[in-house]
Amino acid sequence: MDAEDLFPESAKEWLAAHGAGGLLSQHEVISMKRASARVLALIADNEWHSANAVRMVAGRNGVPASEGLRRLRDLRKVVATYGLEIEKDRIDDSRMYYYRLRKLS
């Protein structure tokens, strides 16, 4: 399954499905769809990825997107419907987290 297949075609449907009606403009949702798909494609390899890597892939042209981790949080609800979860792990006692996609057991 391609990452784009997880999202409805209509931005209005996406907003309704995620309870975000009225919070974002349609243009922002269409952009979010692409950024979210890039984040999903990054973590779908079952390897751990840093928060910085998530921000970079959510951005464009080498410029990180500050909302990259928000995209990751939004994806949690979407992937759960497919029997998947976005796992988070902290490195030692630091504030650094790593993320990966895994199948629920």
N, C-alpha and C. Protein backbone atom coordinates (compact mmCIF):
# COMPACT_ATOMS: atom_id res chain seq x y z
N MET A 1 0.84 -1.18 0.00
CA MET A 1 0.00 0.00 0.00
C MET A 1 0.88 1.24 0.00
N ASP A 2 0.58 2.16 -0.89
CA ASP A 2 1.31 3.42 -0.99
C ASP A 2 0.83 4.36 0.11
N ALA A 3 1.72 5.19 0.60
CA ALA A 3 1.37 6.11 1.68
C ALA A 3 0.19 6.99 1.29
N GLU A 4 0.12 7.41 0.03
CA GLU A 4 -0.98 8.28 -0.41
C GLU A 4 -2.33 7.58 -0.31
N ASP A 5 -2.35 6.24 -0.37
CA ASP A 5 -3.61 5.50 -0.31
C ASP A 5 -4.29 5.61 1.04
N LEU A 6 -3.58 6.03 2.08
CA LEU A 6 -4.16 6.13 3.41
C LEU A 6 -5.00 7.39 3.60
N PHE A 7 -4.97 8.28 2.65
CA PHE A 7 -5.67 9.55 2.81
C PHE A 7 -6.79 9.69 1.78
N PRO A 8 -7.95 10.20 2.20
CA PRO A 8 -9.04 10.44 1.25
C PRO A 8 -8.64 11.50 0.25
N GLU A 9 -9.25 11.49 -0.91
CA GLU A 9 -8.94 12.46 -1.95
C GLU A 9 -9.42 13.86 -1.57
N SER A 10 -10.55 13.94 -0.93
CA SER A 10 -11.15 15.24 -0.64
C SER A 10 -10.61 15.81 0.68
N ALA A 11 -10.14 17.03 0.62
CA ALA A 11 -9.65 17.67 1.83
C ALA A 11 -10.78 17.82 2.85
N LYS A 12 -12.00 18.04 2.38
CA LYS A 12 -13.14 18.16 3.28
C LYS A 12 -13.36 16.84 4.03
N GLU A 13 -13.27 15.71 3.33
CA GLU A 13 -13.40 14.40 3.97
C GLU A 13 -12.29 14.21 4.99
N TRP A 14 -11.07 14.63 4.65
CA TRP A 14 -9.93 14.48 5.57
C TRP A 14 -10.20 15.25 6.85
N LEU A 15 -10.69 16.48 6.70
CA LEU A 15 -10.99 17.30 7.87
C LEU A 15 -12.04 16.63 8.75
N ALA A 16 -13.10 16.13 8.13
CA ALA A 16 -14.17 15.50 8.88
C ALA A 16 -13.67 14.24 9.59
N ALA A 17 -12.87 13.46 8.90
CA ALA A 17 -12.36 12.20 9.46
C ALA A 17 -11.45 12.44 10.65
N HIS A 18 -10.80 13.59 10.69
CA HIS A 18 -9.85 13.87 11.77
C HIS A 18 -10.38 14.89 12.77
N GLY A 19 -11.66 15.21 12.65
CA GLY A 19 -12.26 16.14 13.61
C GLY A 19 -11.62 17.50 13.59
N ALA A 20 -11.14 17.93 12.44
CA ALA A 20 -10.42 19.20 12.36
C ALA A 20 -11.21 20.25 11.59
N GLY A 21 -12.49 20.02 11.37
CA GLY A 21 -13.30 20.97 10.61
C GLY A 21 -13.18 22.38 11.16
N GLY A 22 -12.91 23.34 10.28
CA GLY A 22 -12.81 24.73 10.68
C GLY A 22 -11.47 25.13 11.28
N LEU A 23 -10.59 24.17 11.54
CA LEU A 23 -9.31 24.51 12.15
C LEU A 23 -8.26 24.90 11.12
N LEU A 24 -8.36 24.31 9.94
CA LEU A 24 -7.37 24.53 8.89
C LEU A 24 -8.08 24.87 7.58
N SER A 25 -7.41 25.65 6.75
CA SER A 25 -7.96 25.93 5.44
C SER A 25 -7.78 24.71 4.55
N GLN A 26 -8.55 24.64 3.48
CA GLN A 26 -8.44 23.50 2.56
C GLN A 26 -7.02 23.42 1.98
N HIS A 27 -6.41 24.55 1.68
CA HIS A 27 -5.04 24.56 1.14
C HIS A 27 -4.06 23.93 2.13
N GLU A 28 -4.19 24.26 3.41
CA GLU A 28 -3.31 23.70 4.42
C GLU A 28 -3.49 22.18 4.53
N VAL A 29 -4.72 21.71 4.40
CA VAL A 29 -4.98 20.28 4.49
C VAL A 29 -4.37 19.54 3.31
N ILE A 30 -4.48 20.13 2.13
CA ILE A 30 -3.88 19.49 0.96
C ILE A 30 -2.37 19.41 1.14
N SER A 31 -1.74 20.47 1.67
CA SER A 31 -0.31 20.42 1.95
C SER A 31 0.00 19.39 3.03
N MET A 32 -0.86 19.31 4.05
CA MET A 32 -0.66 18.34 5.12
C MET A 32 -0.69 16.93 4.57
N LYS A 33 -1.55 16.68 3.62
CA LYS A 33 -1.66 15.36 3.03
C LYS A 33 -0.31 14.92 2.45
N ARG A 34 0.32 15.79 1.74
CA ARG A 34 1.62 15.45 1.14
C ARG A 34 2.70 15.29 2.21
N ALA A 35 2.74 16.21 3.18
CA ALA A 35 3.74 16.13 4.24
C ALA A 35 3.52 14.88 5.09
N SER A 36 2.27 14.58 5.40
CA SER A 36 1.97 13.39 6.20
C SER A 36 2.36 12.13 5.44
N ALA A 37 2.12 12.10 4.15
CA ALA A 37 2.50 10.94 3.35
C ALA A 37 4.02 10.76 3.35
N ARG A 38 4.76 11.87 3.31
CA ARG A 38 6.23 11.77 3.35
C ARG A 38 6.70 11.26 4.71
N VAL A 39 6.05 11.71 5.80
CA VAL A 39 6.41 11.22 7.14
C VAL A 39 6.11 9.73 7.24
N LEU A 40 4.96 9.33 6.75
CA LEU A 40 4.60 7.91 6.80
C LEU A 40 5.58 7.07 6.00
N ALA A 41 5.95 7.55 4.83
CA ALA A 41 6.92 6.81 4.00
C ALA A 41 8.26 6.68 4.73
N LEU A 42 8.66 7.69 5.48
CA LEU A 42 9.92 7.64 6.22
C LEU A 42 9.88 6.55 7.29
N ILE A 43 8.83 6.55 8.11
CA ILE A 43 8.81 5.63 9.24
C ILE A 43 8.35 4.22 8.88
N ALA A 44 7.86 4.03 7.67
CA ALA A 44 7.31 2.73 7.26
C ALA A 44 8.38 1.65 7.08
N ASP A 45 9.65 2.00 7.15
CA ASP A 45 10.71 1.00 6.96
C ASP A 45 11.01 0.21 8.24
N ASN A 46 10.25 0.47 9.31
CA ASN A 46 10.40 -0.22 10.59
C ASN A 46 11.72 0.08 11.29
N GLU A 47 12.40 1.11 10.85
CA GLU A 47 13.64 1.56 11.50
C GLU A 47 13.30 2.77 12.37
N TRP A 48 14.15 3.03 13.35
CA TRP A 48 13.96 4.20 14.21
C TRP A 48 14.42 5.46 13.49
N HIS A 49 13.64 6.55 13.64
CA HIS A 49 13.96 7.83 13.01
C HIS A 49 13.84 8.94 14.05
N SER A 50 14.79 9.85 14.04
CA SER A 50 14.80 10.95 15.00
C SER A 50 13.71 11.97 14.68
N ALA A 51 13.40 12.78 15.67
CA ALA A 51 12.45 13.87 15.48
C ALA A 51 12.94 14.82 14.40
N ASN A 52 14.25 15.04 14.34
CA ASN A 52 14.81 15.91 13.30
C ASN A 52 14.58 15.34 11.91
N ALA A 53 14.72 14.03 11.77
CA ALA A 53 14.49 13.39 10.47
C ALA A 53 13.03 13.55 10.06
N VAL A 54 12.13 13.43 11.02
CA VAL A 54 10.69 13.60 10.75
C VAL A 54 10.43 15.04 10.30
N ARG A 55 11.01 16.01 10.98
CA ARG A 55 10.83 17.42 10.60
C ARG A 55 11.36 17.69 9.19
N MET A 56 12.51 17.11 8.88
CA MET A 56 13.12 17.33 7.55
C MET A 56 12.25 16.77 6.44
N VAL A 57 11.75 15.55 6.63
CA VAL A 57 10.96 14.93 5.57
C VAL A 57 9.59 15.61 5.42
N ALA A 58 9.08 16.19 6.51
CA ALA A 58 7.80 16.89 6.43
C ALA A 58 7.96 18.24 5.72
N GLY A 59 9.17 18.76 5.72
CA GLY A 59 9.42 20.05 5.06
C GLY A 59 9.65 19.87 3.58
N ARG A 60 10.13 20.93 2.97
CA ARG A 60 10.40 20.89 1.54
C ARG A 60 11.71 21.58 1.22
N ASN A 61 12.35 21.10 0.16
CA ASN A 61 13.58 21.72 -0.34
C ASN A 61 14.66 21.86 0.73
N GLY A 62 14.77 20.86 1.61
CA GLY A 62 15.79 20.88 2.64
C GLY A 62 15.50 21.76 3.83
N VAL A 63 14.30 22.33 3.87
CA VAL A 63 13.90 23.18 4.99
C VAL A 63 12.97 22.37 5.89
N PRO A 64 13.34 22.17 7.15
CA PRO A 64 12.49 21.35 8.03
C PRO A 64 11.15 22.04 8.30
N ALA A 65 10.13 21.22 8.51
CA ALA A 65 8.81 21.73 8.86
C ALA A 65 8.64 21.65 10.37
N SER A 66 8.39 22.76 10.99
CA SER A 66 8.25 22.77 12.45
C SER A 66 7.08 21.91 12.89
N GLU A 67 6.09 21.71 12.01
CA GLU A 67 4.94 20.91 12.38
C GLU A 67 5.11 19.43 12.03
N GLY A 68 6.32 18.99 11.73
CA GLY A 68 6.56 17.59 11.37
C GLY A 68 6.09 16.61 12.42
N LEU A 69 6.31 16.92 13.69
CA LEU A 69 5.87 16.01 14.75
C LEU A 69 4.36 16.04 14.91
N ARG A 70 3.73 17.15 14.56
CA ARG A 70 2.27 17.19 14.58
C ARG A 70 1.71 16.27 13.50
N ARG A 71 2.39 16.23 12.36
CA ARG A 71 1.99 15.30 11.30
C ARG A 71 2.06 13.86 11.82
N LEU A 72 3.12 13.59 12.55
CA LEU A 72 3.31 12.26 13.12
C LEU A 72 2.17 11.92 14.09
N ARG A 73 1.82 12.86 14.94
CA ARG A 73 0.71 12.63 15.89
C ARG A 73 -0.61 12.42 15.15
N ASP A 74 -0.85 13.20 14.11
CA ASP A 74 -2.07 13.03 13.32
C ASP A 74 -2.12 11.66 12.67
N LEU A 75 -0.97 11.18 12.24
CA LEU A 75 -0.90 9.87 11.58
C LEU A 75 -1.23 8.72 12.53
N ARG A 76 -1.02 8.90 13.81
CA ARG A 76 -1.30 7.82 14.77
C ARG A 76 -2.72 7.32 14.64
N LYS A 77 -3.68 8.22 14.52
CA LYS A 77 -5.09 7.84 14.40
C LYS A 77 -5.34 7.11 13.09
N VAL A 78 -4.69 7.58 12.03
CA VAL A 78 -4.90 6.99 10.71
C VAL A 78 -4.34 5.58 10.65
N VAL A 79 -3.10 5.39 11.10
CA VAL A 79 -2.48 4.07 10.98
C VAL A 79 -3.11 3.05 11.91
N ALA A 80 -3.71 3.51 13.01
CA ALA A 80 -4.37 2.59 13.94
C ALA A 80 -5.50 1.84 13.26
N THR A 81 -6.15 2.47 12.29
CA THR A 81 -7.24 1.79 11.57
C THR A 81 -6.71 0.67 10.68
N TYR A 82 -5.42 0.64 10.45
CA TYR A 82 -4.79 -0.40 9.63
C TYR A 82 -4.03 -1.41 10.49
N GLY A 83 -4.27 -1.39 11.81
CA GLY A 83 -3.60 -2.34 12.70
C GLY A 83 -2.13 -2.02 12.91
N LEU A 84 -1.77 -0.74 12.79
CA LEU A 84 -0.39 -0.29 12.95
C LEU A 84 -0.32 0.73 14.07
N GLU A 85 0.87 0.95 14.60
CA GLU A 85 1.06 2.02 15.57
C GLU A 85 2.39 2.70 15.32
N ILE A 86 2.46 3.95 15.72
CA ILE A 86 3.72 4.69 15.66
C ILE A 86 4.31 4.61 17.06
N GLU A 87 5.40 3.89 17.14
CA GLU A 87 6.07 3.66 18.41
C GLU A 87 7.06 4.79 18.68
N LYS A 88 7.18 5.17 19.94
CA LYS A 88 8.07 6.26 20.34
C LYS A 88 9.01 5.72 21.42
N ASP A 89 10.29 6.09 21.33
CA ASP A 89 11.25 5.65 22.32
C ASP A 89 12.17 6.81 22.67
N ARG A 90 12.43 6.95 23.95
CA ARG A 90 13.32 8.01 24.43
C ARG A 90 14.72 7.44 24.58
N ILE A 91 15.70 8.21 24.24
CA ILE A 91 17.09 7.81 24.38
C ILE A 91 17.58 8.22 25.77
N ASP A 92 17.87 7.21 26.58
CA ASP A 92 18.32 7.41 27.96
C ASP A 92 17.37 8.36 28.69
N ASP A 93 17.90 9.34 29.37
CA ASP A 93 17.06 10.32 30.08
C ASP A 93 17.01 11.64 29.32
N SER A 94 17.36 11.61 28.07
CA SER A 94 17.38 12.83 27.28
C SER A 94 15.97 13.24 26.86
N ARG A 95 15.88 14.34 26.17
CA ARG A 95 14.61 14.79 25.62
C ARG A 95 14.49 14.39 24.15
N MET A 96 15.40 13.54 23.69
CA MET A 96 15.41 13.08 22.30
C MET A 96 14.54 11.84 22.14
N TYR A 97 13.63 11.88 21.18
CA TYR A 97 12.77 10.74 20.90
C TYR A 97 13.03 10.24 19.49
N TYR A 98 12.78 8.95 19.32
CA TYR A 98 12.86 8.30 18.01
C TYR A 98 11.54 7.61 17.75
N TYR A 99 11.19 7.49 16.48
CA TYR A 99 9.89 6.99 16.09
C TYR A 99 10.03 5.91 15.00
N ARG A 100 9.07 4.97 15.01
CA ARG A 100 8.99 3.99 13.92
C ARG A 100 7.57 3.47 13.83
N LEU A 101 7.25 2.92 12.69
CA LEU A 101 5.95 2.31 12.46
C LEU A 101 6.07 0.82 12.69
N ARG A 102 5.09 0.25 13.38
CA ARG A 102 5.13 -1.20 13.59
C ARG A 102 3.71 -1.75 13.60
N LYS A 103 3.61 -3.01 13.30
CA LYS A 103 2.32 -3.70 13.28
C LYS A 103 1.95 -4.05 14.71
N LEU A 104 0.68 -3.80 15.07
CA LEU A 104 0.20 -4.17 16.40
C LEU A 104 0.15 -5.69 16.52
N SER A 105 0.53 -6.20 17.68
CA SER A 105 0.50 -7.66 17.85
C SER A 105 -0.83 -8.15 18.34
